[in-house]
Amino acid sequence: MSNNKYAVNERGYYGQFGGAYIPELLRANIDELRGNYLKIINSEKFQKDYKRLLDNYVGRPTPLTKVANLSKRYGTNIYLKREDLTHTGAHKINNTIGQILIAKYMGKTRIIAETGAGQHGVATATVCALFGLECIVYMGALDIERQAPNVARMKMLGAKVVPAISGNQTLKDATNEAIRDWIANPNSFYLIGSVVGPHPYPDMVTRLQSIISEEIRGQLTKETGNPNPDYVIACVGGGSNAAGAFYHYLDEEDVKLVAVEASGLGVNSGETAATITIGDVGFIHGSKTMLMHDEDGQITEPYSISAGLDYPGVGPLHAHLAETGRAQFLSVTDQEALDAAMVLAQSEGIIPALESAHALAALEQMTFDKDDVVVVNLSGRGDKDMETYMKAINN
């Protein structure tokens, strides 16, 4: 499907956002990837290999579950796209399976990645183990502490986990370290975990995650006779699960797209990650996008209870969707996300990742008609967040 109105142009821009603002030392790497990724993705061999791995290894298609109790609570028809049921427990695997194939076709043998909550790190370590490739994952020292189970998984899968000890020791800092490694080791393949970074990464990751909306269309047609829901709701940090859930609906103007950011302790608290709400145009990790920065242009440290959402920027596609008004951006506090997780767990028997709980919490801020079809992308499962949940329950 072509998304002409919202597709990236040949220079890597969505409207004014995107591009490739990179050190000269990385130009050859980026040019090599840009010259090959579409040829590879569109090739019959890739499509066959990718589809086979998604079906037989990842466990796709993931169910589209109508949740009766939640539907009753909000007086409408709510469906959850169950990315939490993939191998490794989150949508991240859709992208890593695709990128590892691209790396393999390009003859790369050493993989670098960055991770926040650890889900992308686990998914990268998983596919590196599957393909027998060296795997180095950069992770903020703070995130290593609060996501210990995922760190253990990565190590068990054979990855080397390197702590980032600069800044506030979270995703932004891990990304900086990964880029430094790539400059020092240009023969490596940098496997980015979200729709961020220099072109072609935002477009490549979006295409690999678009399997989510492709499946939603088919599943809704079967369920309701109409491939289009009234709403698609997804959380946004960098924004890959949202990009995947929105992709096949970008040009369907009757489908309302709702992106949910983490407002942490409150949008104006100084402890937030609500980039679109309080951010401005700037440059981060190789692209022009919306980000949070101070009066001197220094990037401000983001905060969220959810390790996967505390990124000070947002993918350039999402900046464009916000600027054009194609997507509505809401923000949800730590407490609202915790409450939403409890509601889902106790009414449907599903424990969501804290990231996904932000998307669920948006339901409280919205009003629906009883005939509406609302799809919430449940991007990951809550195993990795149990310690945070238990602290919240016991307080």
Protein backbone atom coordinates (compact mmCIF):
# COMPACT_ATOMS: atom_id res chain seq x y z
CA MET A 1 0.00 0.00 0.00
CA SER A 2 1.38 3.44 -0.80
CA ASN A 3 1.05 6.16 1.80
CA ASN A 4 1.77 9.00 -0.61
CA LYS A 5 0.58 11.82 1.61
CA TYR A 6 2.52 10.71 4.67
CA ALA A 7 5.33 8.68 3.07
CA VAL A 8 8.95 9.67 3.40
CA ASN A 9 10.38 11.46 0.35
CA GLU A 10 13.54 10.38 -1.49
CA ARG A 11 15.66 12.64 0.74
CA GLY A 12 14.28 11.03 3.89
CA TYR A 13 11.84 13.73 5.00
CA TYR A 14 8.28 13.59 6.29
CA GLY A 15 7.26 17.18 5.61
CA GLN A 16 9.99 19.22 7.34
CA PHE A 17 11.08 16.35 9.62
CA GLY A 18 13.65 13.60 9.07
CA GLY A 19 16.81 13.66 6.98
CA ALA A 20 20.24 12.30 7.84
CA TYR A 21 22.33 14.64 10.00
CA ILE A 22 25.33 12.46 10.64
CA PRO A 23 29.09 12.66 11.14
CA GLU A 24 31.02 12.34 7.86
CA LEU A 25 32.52 9.12 9.23
CA LEU A 26 29.09 7.45 9.04
CA ARG A 27 28.15 8.74 5.58
CA ALA A 28 29.37 5.60 3.77
CA ASN A 29 27.44 3.30 6.15
CA ILE A 30 24.21 5.26 5.75
CA ASP A 31 24.60 5.52 1.96
CA GLU A 32 25.20 1.77 1.74
CA LEU A 33 22.05 1.05 3.76
CA ARG A 34 19.97 3.62 1.89
CA GLY A 35 21.08 2.16 -1.44
CA ASN A 36 20.09 -1.37 -0.44
CA TYR A 37 17.19 -1.47 2.04
CA LEU A 38 14.27 -1.03 -0.37
CA LYS A 39 15.75 -3.41 -2.94
CA ILE A 40 16.18 -6.02 -0.20
CA ILE A 41 12.77 -5.50 1.48
CA ASN A 42 10.94 -5.64 -1.86
CA SER A 43 12.83 -8.73 -3.09
CA GLU A 44 10.98 -12.03 -3.32
CA LYS A 45 13.68 -13.76 -1.24
CA PHE A 46 13.37 -11.28 1.66
CA GLN A 47 9.57 -11.40 1.64
CA LYS A 48 9.64 -15.20 1.73
CA ASP A 49 12.27 -15.41 4.50
CA TYR A 50 10.63 -12.62 6.54
CA LYS A 51 7.14 -14.12 6.28
CA ARG A 52 8.39 -17.58 7.21
CA LEU A 53 10.18 -16.26 10.32
CA LEU A 54 7.21 -14.12 11.38
CA ASP A 55 4.88 -17.11 11.08
CA ASN A 56 7.05 -19.90 12.46
CA TYR A 57 9.38 -18.12 14.88
CA VAL A 58 7.70 -14.90 16.03
CA GLY A 59 4.23 -16.46 16.25
CA ARG A 60 2.31 -14.19 13.89
CA PRO A 61 -0.40 -13.31 13.20
CA THR A 62 -1.00 -12.07 16.75
CA PRO A 63 -4.66 -12.17 17.87
CA LEU A 64 -7.00 -9.19 17.74
CA THR A 65 -8.91 -9.72 20.97
CA LYS A 66 -12.28 -8.10 21.64
CA VAL A 67 -12.24 -7.32 25.36
CA ALA A 68 -15.82 -7.52 26.61
CA ASN A 69 -15.34 -6.12 30.12
CA LEU A 70 -13.28 -3.15 28.95
CA SER A 71 -15.79 -2.54 26.14
CA LYS A 72 -18.58 -2.44 28.71
CA ARG A 73 -16.60 -0.08 30.94
CA TYR A 74 -16.11 2.47 28.13
CA GLY A 75 -19.44 1.86 26.37
CA THR A 76 -17.94 0.93 23.01
CA ASN A 77 -16.19 -1.93 21.14
CA ILE A 78 -12.58 -2.27 22.24
CA TYR A 79 -10.11 -4.62 20.57
CA LEU A 80 -6.53 -5.24 21.68
CA LYS A 81 -3.88 -6.03 19.07
CA ARG A 82 -1.88 -8.59 21.04
CA GLU A 83 1.77 -7.81 20.30
CA ASP A 84 2.40 -9.03 23.87
CA LEU A 85 1.94 -12.57 22.52
CA THR A 86 4.90 -12.51 20.13
CA HIS A 87 8.10 -14.43 20.86
CA THR A 88 10.07 -12.18 23.31
CA GLY A 89 6.83 -10.50 24.43
CA ALA A 90 6.73 -7.27 22.43
CA HIS A 91 6.44 -5.79 18.93
CA LYS A 92 10.22 -5.20 18.80
CA ILE A 93 10.85 -8.65 17.29
CA ASN A 94 9.04 -7.70 14.04
CA ASN A 95 11.74 -5.11 13.36
CA THR A 96 14.78 -7.09 14.55
CA ILE A 97 13.87 -10.12 12.42
CA GLY A 98 13.63 -7.84 9.38
CA GLN A 99 16.81 -5.89 10.09
CA ILE A 100 18.88 -8.99 10.84
CA LEU A 101 17.90 -10.36 7.41
CA ILE A 102 18.94 -7.05 5.81
CA ALA A 103 22.26 -7.17 7.72
CA LYS A 104 22.82 -10.77 6.62
CA TYR A 105 22.07 -9.99 2.98
CA MET A 106 24.57 -7.09 3.22
CA GLY A 107 27.25 -9.43 4.62
CA LYS A 108 27.48 -7.85 8.12
CA THR A 109 28.60 -10.06 11.01
CA ARG A 110 28.69 -7.70 14.01
CA ILE A 111 25.48 -6.13 15.31
CA ILE A 112 25.22 -3.02 17.54
CA ALA A 113 21.97 -2.00 19.23
CA GLU A 114 20.64 0.40 21.87
CA THR A 115 17.84 -0.38 24.28
CA GLY A 116 15.72 1.40 26.91
CA ALA A 117 13.30 -1.01 28.57
CA GLY A 118 15.40 -3.87 27.26
CA GLN A 119 12.74 -5.27 24.92
CA HIS A 120 14.63 -4.20 21.80
CA GLY A 121 17.88 -5.50 23.33
CA VAL A 122 16.28 -8.88 24.01
CA ALA A 123 14.77 -8.99 20.51
CA THR A 124 18.17 -8.11 18.96
CA ALA A 125 20.03 -10.66 21.10
CA THR A 126 17.40 -13.24 20.11
CA VAL A 127 17.86 -12.79 16.35
CA CYS A 128 21.66 -12.59 16.68
CA ALA A 129 21.59 -15.94 18.46
CA LEU A 130 19.34 -17.33 15.72
CA PHE A 131 21.73 -16.17 12.98
CA GLY A 132 24.99 -16.70 14.89
CA LEU A 133 26.09 -13.03 14.81
CA GLU A 134 28.07 -11.06 17.42
CA CYS A 135 25.77 -8.79 19.44
CA ILE A 136 26.67 -5.68 21.47
CA VAL A 137 23.81 -3.90 23.25
CA TYR A 138 24.18 -0.44 24.82
CA MET A 139 21.84 0.26 27.71
CA GLY A 140 21.66 3.13 30.20
CA ALA A 141 23.07 2.21 33.61
CA LEU A 142 19.79 3.29 35.25
CA ASP A 143 17.78 1.10 32.86
CA ILE A 144 20.11 -1.85 33.55
CA GLU A 145 19.18 -1.48 37.21
CA ARG A 146 15.40 -1.23 36.72
CA GLN A 147 15.13 -3.84 33.94
CA ALA A 148 17.28 -6.60 35.45
CA PRO A 149 15.23 -9.53 34.02
CA ASN A 150 15.77 -8.27 30.46
CA VAL A 151 19.50 -7.79 31.09
CA ALA A 152 19.69 -11.40 32.27
CA ARG A 153 17.84 -12.54 29.12
CA MET A 154 20.23 -10.66 26.83
CA LYS A 155 23.26 -12.18 28.54
CA MET A 156 21.75 -15.66 28.41
CA LEU A 157 21.19 -15.16 24.67
CA GLY A 158 24.90 -14.40 24.25
CA ALA A 159 24.83 -10.61 23.93
CA LYS A 160 27.38 -8.29 25.51
CA VAL A 161 25.49 -5.60 27.49
CA VAL A 162 27.46 -2.35 27.80
CA PRO A 163 26.23 0.26 30.36
CA ALA A 164 25.94 3.90 29.26
CA ILE A 165 27.03 6.02 32.22
CA SER A 166 26.67 9.53 30.74
CA GLY A 167 23.67 11.88 31.07
CA ASN A 168 20.77 10.42 33.01
CA GLN A 169 21.88 6.93 31.98
CA THR A 170 18.80 6.01 29.92
CA LEU A 171 17.87 5.47 26.25
CA LYS A 172 19.25 8.73 24.84
CA ASP A 173 22.66 7.99 26.38
CA ALA A 174 22.63 4.37 25.20
CA THR A 175 21.93 5.63 21.66
CA ASN A 176 24.85 8.08 21.86
CA GLU A 177 27.19 5.23 22.89
CA ALA A 178 25.91 2.95 20.11
CA ILE A 179 26.57 5.67 17.50
CA ARG A 180 30.13 6.14 18.89
CA ASP A 181 30.72 2.39 18.53
CA TRP A 182 29.43 2.48 14.95
CA ILE A 183 31.84 5.30 14.06
CA ALA A 184 34.71 3.25 15.54
CA ASN A 185 33.55 0.02 13.86
CA PRO A 186 32.06 1.02 10.49
CA ASN A 187 31.80 -2.58 9.28
CA SER A 188 29.16 -3.28 11.93
CA PHE A 189 25.40 -3.05 11.35
CA TYR A 190 23.55 -0.69 13.68
CA LEU A 191 20.18 -2.26 14.43
CA ILE A 192 18.03 0.68 15.60
CA GLY A 193 15.02 -0.20 17.74
CA SER A 194 12.57 2.55 16.86
CA VAL A 195 11.45 4.90 14.09
CA VAL A 196 14.24 7.33 15.01
CA GLY A 197 17.73 8.09 13.73
CA PRO A 198 18.98 9.16 10.31
CA HIS A 199 17.18 8.20 7.08
CA PRO A 200 16.57 5.39 6.09
CA TYR A 201 16.00 4.03 9.64
CA PRO A 202 12.61 5.66 10.38
CA ASP A 203 11.19 4.44 7.06
CA MET A 204 12.81 0.99 7.27
CA VAL A 205 11.57 0.33 10.83
CA THR A 206 8.07 1.64 9.95
CA ARG A 207 7.87 -0.75 6.99
CA LEU A 208 9.00 -3.70 9.13
CA GLN A 209 6.45 -2.84 11.85
CA SER A 210 3.63 -2.28 9.33
CA ILE A 211 2.79 -5.99 9.64
CA ILE A 212 0.75 -4.85 12.69
CA SER A 213 -1.72 -2.68 10.75
CA GLU A 214 -1.71 -5.13 7.84
CA GLU A 215 -2.98 -7.84 10.20
CA ILE A 216 -5.47 -5.50 11.93
CA ARG A 217 -7.07 -4.77 8.53
CA GLY A 218 -7.52 -8.46 7.72
CA GLN A 219 -8.70 -9.36 11.23
CA LEU A 220 -11.24 -6.52 11.43
CA THR A 221 -12.62 -7.40 7.99
CA LYS A 222 -13.23 -10.92 9.25
CA GLU A 223 -14.69 -9.71 12.54
CA THR A 224 -16.79 -6.70 11.44
CA GLY A 225 -16.83 -6.72 7.64
CA ASN A 226 -14.84 -3.45 7.60
CA PRO A 227 -11.02 -3.23 7.62
CA ASN A 228 -11.15 0.26 9.12
CA PRO A 229 -11.71 0.89 12.84
CA ASP A 230 -12.87 4.30 14.11
CA TYR A 231 -9.76 4.69 16.30
CA VAL A 232 -6.27 3.23 16.52
CA ILE A 233 -4.53 4.04 19.82
CA ALA A 234 -0.84 3.36 20.56
CA CYS A 235 1.82 4.62 22.96
CA VAL A 236 4.75 6.65 21.61
CA GLY A 237 8.30 6.92 22.91
CA GLY A 238 10.38 6.83 19.73
CA GLY A 239 7.20 5.44 18.23
CA SER A 240 7.74 2.18 16.34
CA ASN A 241 4.70 0.27 17.63
CA ALA A 242 2.51 3.29 16.82
CA ALA A 243 4.08 3.68 13.35
CA GLY A 244 3.33 0.00 12.66
CA ALA A 245 -0.24 0.21 13.96
CA PHE A 246 -0.93 3.44 12.01
CA TYR A 247 0.86 2.63 8.72
CA HIS A 248 -1.94 1.13 6.61
CA TYR A 249 -4.39 3.73 7.91
CA LEU A 250 -2.33 6.88 7.25
CA ASP A 251 -4.31 7.78 4.13
CA GLU A 252 -7.64 6.57 5.54
CA GLU A 253 -8.80 9.92 6.92
CA ASP A 254 -11.90 8.39 8.58
CA VAL A 255 -9.65 6.37 10.93
CA LYS A 256 -8.64 8.54 13.88
CA LEU A 257 -5.05 7.95 15.00
CA VAL A 258 -4.28 8.56 18.66
CA ALA A 259 -0.68 8.62 19.91
CA VAL A 260 -0.11 8.55 23.67
CA GLU A 261 3.01 10.02 25.27
CA ALA A 262 4.29 9.60 28.82
CA SER A 263 3.81 12.76 30.86
CA GLY A 264 5.61 11.24 33.87
CA LEU A 265 4.82 13.29 36.98
CA GLY A 266 2.88 15.82 34.86
CA VAL A 267 3.44 17.74 31.64
CA ASN A 268 4.76 20.86 33.43
CA SER A 269 6.50 19.05 36.31
CA GLY A 270 9.95 18.98 34.71
CA GLU A 271 9.75 15.18 35.09
CA THR A 272 8.11 14.22 31.81
CA ALA A 273 8.61 12.65 28.39
CA ALA A 274 5.69 14.37 26.60
CA THR A 275 7.76 15.54 23.62
CA ILE A 276 4.96 16.66 21.29
CA THR A 277 3.11 18.48 24.08
CA ILE A 278 6.04 20.55 25.38
CA GLY A 279 8.80 20.02 22.80
CA ASP A 280 10.04 22.03 19.87
CA VAL A 281 11.77 21.45 16.55
CA GLY A 282 15.38 20.31 16.92
CA PHE A 283 17.93 17.66 16.00
CA ILE A 284 18.62 14.38 17.80
CA HIS A 285 20.42 11.18 16.82
CA GLY A 286 20.72 12.09 13.16
CA SER A 287 17.30 13.50 12.34
CA LYS A 288 15.27 16.70 12.52
CA THR A 289 12.23 16.15 14.69
CA MET A 290 10.36 17.37 17.77
CA LEU A 291 12.29 17.13 21.02
CA MET A 292 12.50 18.55 24.50
CA HIS A 293 15.25 21.12 25.03
CA ASP A 294 16.03 24.13 27.19
CA GLU A 295 16.47 27.79 26.19
CA ASP A 296 20.10 27.13 25.23
CA GLY A 297 19.08 24.29 22.92
CA GLN A 298 20.45 21.62 25.28
CA ILE A 299 18.35 18.44 25.23
CA THR A 300 16.47 18.11 28.53
CA GLU A 301 16.43 14.80 30.35
CA PRO A 302 13.12 12.97 29.95
CA TYR A 303 11.40 11.05 32.71
CA SER A 304 8.78 8.29 32.75
CA ILE A 305 8.07 5.33 35.01
CA SER A 306 8.24 3.35 31.77
CA ALA A 307 11.81 2.74 30.59
CA GLY A 308 10.64 2.40 26.98
CA LEU A 309 9.00 5.84 26.82
CA ASP A 310 11.58 8.12 28.44
CA TYR A 311 13.10 9.41 25.20
CA PRO A 312 13.42 13.20 24.75
CA GLY A 313 12.46 13.08 21.07
CA VAL A 314 9.99 11.33 18.83
CA GLY A 315 10.32 9.72 15.39
CA PRO A 316 10.10 12.23 12.47
CA LEU A 317 6.97 10.50 11.11
CA HIS A 318 5.18 11.24 14.39
CA ALA A 319 6.40 14.85 14.43
CA HIS A 320 4.87 15.17 10.94
CA LEU A 321 1.61 13.49 11.99
CA ALA A 322 1.38 15.90 14.93
CA GLU A 323 2.17 18.99 12.85
CA THR A 324 -0.35 18.09 10.12
CA GLY A 325 -3.00 17.11 12.69
CA ARG A 326 -3.28 13.62 11.18
CA ALA A 327 -2.73 12.07 14.61
CA GLN A 328 -4.00 13.34 17.95
CA PHE A 329 -1.37 13.33 20.70
CA LEU A 330 -2.47 12.74 24.29
CA SER A 331 -0.31 12.36 27.37
CA VAL A 332 -0.69 10.09 30.40
CA THR A 333 0.98 10.28 33.83
CA ASP A 334 2.79 7.48 35.66
CA GLN A 335 -0.17 7.02 38.00
CA GLU A 336 -2.74 6.94 35.20
CA ALA A 337 -0.70 4.25 33.43
CA LEU A 338 -0.40 2.17 36.63
CA ASP A 339 -4.16 2.46 37.17
CA ALA A 340 -4.90 1.41 33.58
CA ALA A 341 -2.63 -1.64 33.94
CA MET A 342 -4.56 -2.71 37.05
CA VAL A 343 -7.90 -2.27 35.26
CA LEU A 344 -6.80 -4.48 32.34
CA ALA A 345 -5.24 -7.11 34.62
CA GLN A 346 -8.30 -7.36 36.86
CA SER A 347 -10.99 -7.09 34.20
CA GLU A 348 -9.46 -9.13 31.36
CA GLY A 349 -6.69 -11.26 32.89
CA ILE A 350 -4.00 -9.56 30.77
CA ILE A 351 -0.98 -7.83 32.35
CA PRO A 352 0.36 -5.19 29.94
CA ALA A 353 3.80 -3.65 29.69
CA LEU A 354 3.97 -0.21 31.31
CA GLU A 355 4.43 1.29 27.84
CA SER A 356 1.16 -0.27 26.61
CA ALA A 357 -0.59 0.77 29.84
CA HIS A 358 -0.13 4.39 28.70
CA ALA A 359 -2.14 3.64 25.54
CA LEU A 360 -4.87 1.98 27.64
CA ALA A 361 -5.00 4.97 30.01
CA ALA A 362 -5.94 7.23 27.09
CA LEU A 363 -9.36 5.51 27.04
CA GLU A 364 -10.15 7.46 30.23
CA GLN A 365 -9.61 10.76 28.41
CA MET A 366 -11.79 9.94 25.42
CA THR A 367 -15.50 9.57 24.71
CA PHE A 368 -16.84 7.02 22.27
CA ASP A 369 -20.09 6.15 20.53
CA LYS A 370 -21.46 2.72 21.35
CA ASP A 371 -20.95 1.54 17.73
CA ASP A 372 -17.33 2.70 17.51
CA VAL A 373 -14.58 0.17 16.86
CA VAL A 374 -11.50 1.07 18.90
CA VAL A 375 -8.20 -0.79 18.46
CA VAL A 376 -5.56 -0.38 21.17
CA ASN A 377 -2.11 -1.70 20.27
CA LEU A 378 -0.98 -3.76 23.26
CA SER A 379 2.69 -3.44 22.37
CA GLY A 380 4.18 -5.66 25.08
CA ARG A 381 3.54 -7.85 28.10
CA GLY A 382 4.11 -6.87 31.70
CA ASP A 383 6.59 -9.49 32.93
CA LYS A 384 9.49 -7.03 32.71
CA ASP A 385 7.59 -4.47 34.83
CA MET A 386 6.44 -6.71 37.68
CA GLU A 387 8.84 -5.15 40.18
CA THR A 388 7.45 -1.66 39.42
CA TYR A 389 3.88 -2.94 39.61
CA MET A 390 4.51 -4.69 42.95
CA LYS A 391 6.02 -1.51 44.41
CA ALA A 392 2.92 0.41 43.30
CA ILE A 393 0.57 -2.20 44.77
CA ASN A 394 2.43 -2.32 48.09
CA ASN A 395 2.60 1.46 48.58
